[in-house]
Amino acid sequence: MLSDILERIEHWFALHGASSYEGQRRESVSALHHALQCAQLAEDAHADAPLVAAALLHDIGHFVAIADVGEMD
């Protein structure tokens, strides 16, 4: 089960990670780089592993929404 979840997350980042990150202001960084930057900031702040994971995955819902729309077509 965990491996299925990890494979799905890897798949979403492979499909959508190169797309431009669009937060409150458009940045010249990919969605994957944004996620990695957030996780790195959490690690630098000595956050516990669950918070680092949350920082990494906090925008994953955007990828899920894209996947769901694609499946509906």
Protein backbone atom coordinates (compact mmCIF):
# COMPACT_ATOMS: atom_id res chain seq x y z
CA MET A 1 0.00 0.00 0.00
CA LEU A 2 2.72 2.51 0.95
CA SER A 3 4.66 1.66 -2.18
CA ASP A 4 1.52 2.35 -4.25
CA ILE A 5 1.18 5.78 -2.67
CA LEU A 6 4.86 6.57 -3.20
CA GLU A 7 4.64 5.42 -6.82
CA ARG A 8 1.61 7.65 -7.37
CA ILE A 9 3.39 10.67 -5.84
CA GLU A 10 6.45 9.98 -7.99
CA HIS A 11 4.20 9.70 -11.04
CA TRP A 12 2.47 13.04 -10.30
CA PHE A 13 5.81 14.82 -9.90
CA ALA A 14 7.11 13.19 -13.10
CA LEU A 15 4.04 14.40 -15.01
CA HIS A 16 3.55 17.82 -13.47
CA GLY A 17 6.74 18.74 -11.60
CA ALA A 18 8.21 20.67 -14.52
CA SER A 19 5.19 22.97 -14.75
CA SER A 20 5.58 26.53 -13.52
CA TYR A 21 4.78 27.09 -9.89
CA GLU A 22 1.90 29.54 -9.56
CA GLY A 23 1.54 30.68 -5.98
CA GLN A 24 0.35 34.09 -4.83
CA ARG A 25 2.85 35.55 -7.27
CA ARG A 26 4.24 33.80 -10.30
CA GLU A 27 7.80 32.63 -9.71
CA SER A 28 10.35 31.44 -12.22
CA VAL A 29 10.59 28.03 -10.58
CA SER A 30 9.01 24.69 -11.36
CA ALA A 31 6.47 23.03 -9.11
CA LEU A 32 9.05 20.38 -8.24
CA HIS A 33 11.70 22.94 -7.32
CA HIS A 34 9.17 24.82 -5.21
CA ALA A 35 8.31 21.62 -3.33
CA LEU A 36 11.99 20.80 -2.81
CA GLN A 37 12.72 24.34 -1.62
CA CYS A 38 9.91 24.13 0.94
CA ALA A 39 11.12 20.76 2.20
CA GLN A 40 14.68 22.08 2.44
CA LEU A 41 13.51 25.09 4.44
CA ALA A 42 11.70 22.75 6.83
CA GLU A 43 14.83 20.61 7.21
CA ASP A 44 16.97 23.71 7.76
CA ALA A 45 14.56 24.69 10.55
CA HIS A 46 15.12 21.26 12.15
CA ALA A 47 11.49 20.26 11.61
CA ASP A 48 10.41 16.71 12.35
CA ALA A 49 10.13 14.31 9.40
CA PRO A 50 6.32 14.56 9.10
CA LEU A 51 6.55 18.34 8.74
CA VAL A 52 9.30 18.03 6.13
CA ALA A 53 7.07 15.61 4.22
CA ALA A 54 4.14 18.03 4.55
CA ALA A 55 6.29 20.85 3.20
CA LEU A 56 7.31 18.70 0.24
CA LEU A 57 3.75 17.63 -0.57
CA HIS A 58 1.75 20.74 0.37
CA ASP A 59 0.79 21.49 -3.27
CA ILE A 60 0.27 17.88 -4.40
CA GLY A 61 -3.47 18.52 -4.54
CA HIS A 62 -2.90 20.63 -7.65
CA PHE A 63 -1.48 17.56 -9.39
CA VAL A 64 -4.34 15.37 -8.19
CA ALA A 65 -6.89 17.88 -9.49
CA ILE A 66 -5.14 17.90 -12.89
CA ALA A 67 -5.12 14.08 -12.95
CA ASP A 68 -8.82 13.90 -12.04
CA VAL A 69 -9.78 16.30 -14.83
CA GLY A 70 -7.73 14.27 -17.28
CA GLU A 71 -9.48 11.08 -16.24
CA MET A 72 -12.89 12.71 -16.73
CA ASP A 73 -12.16 13.59 -20.36
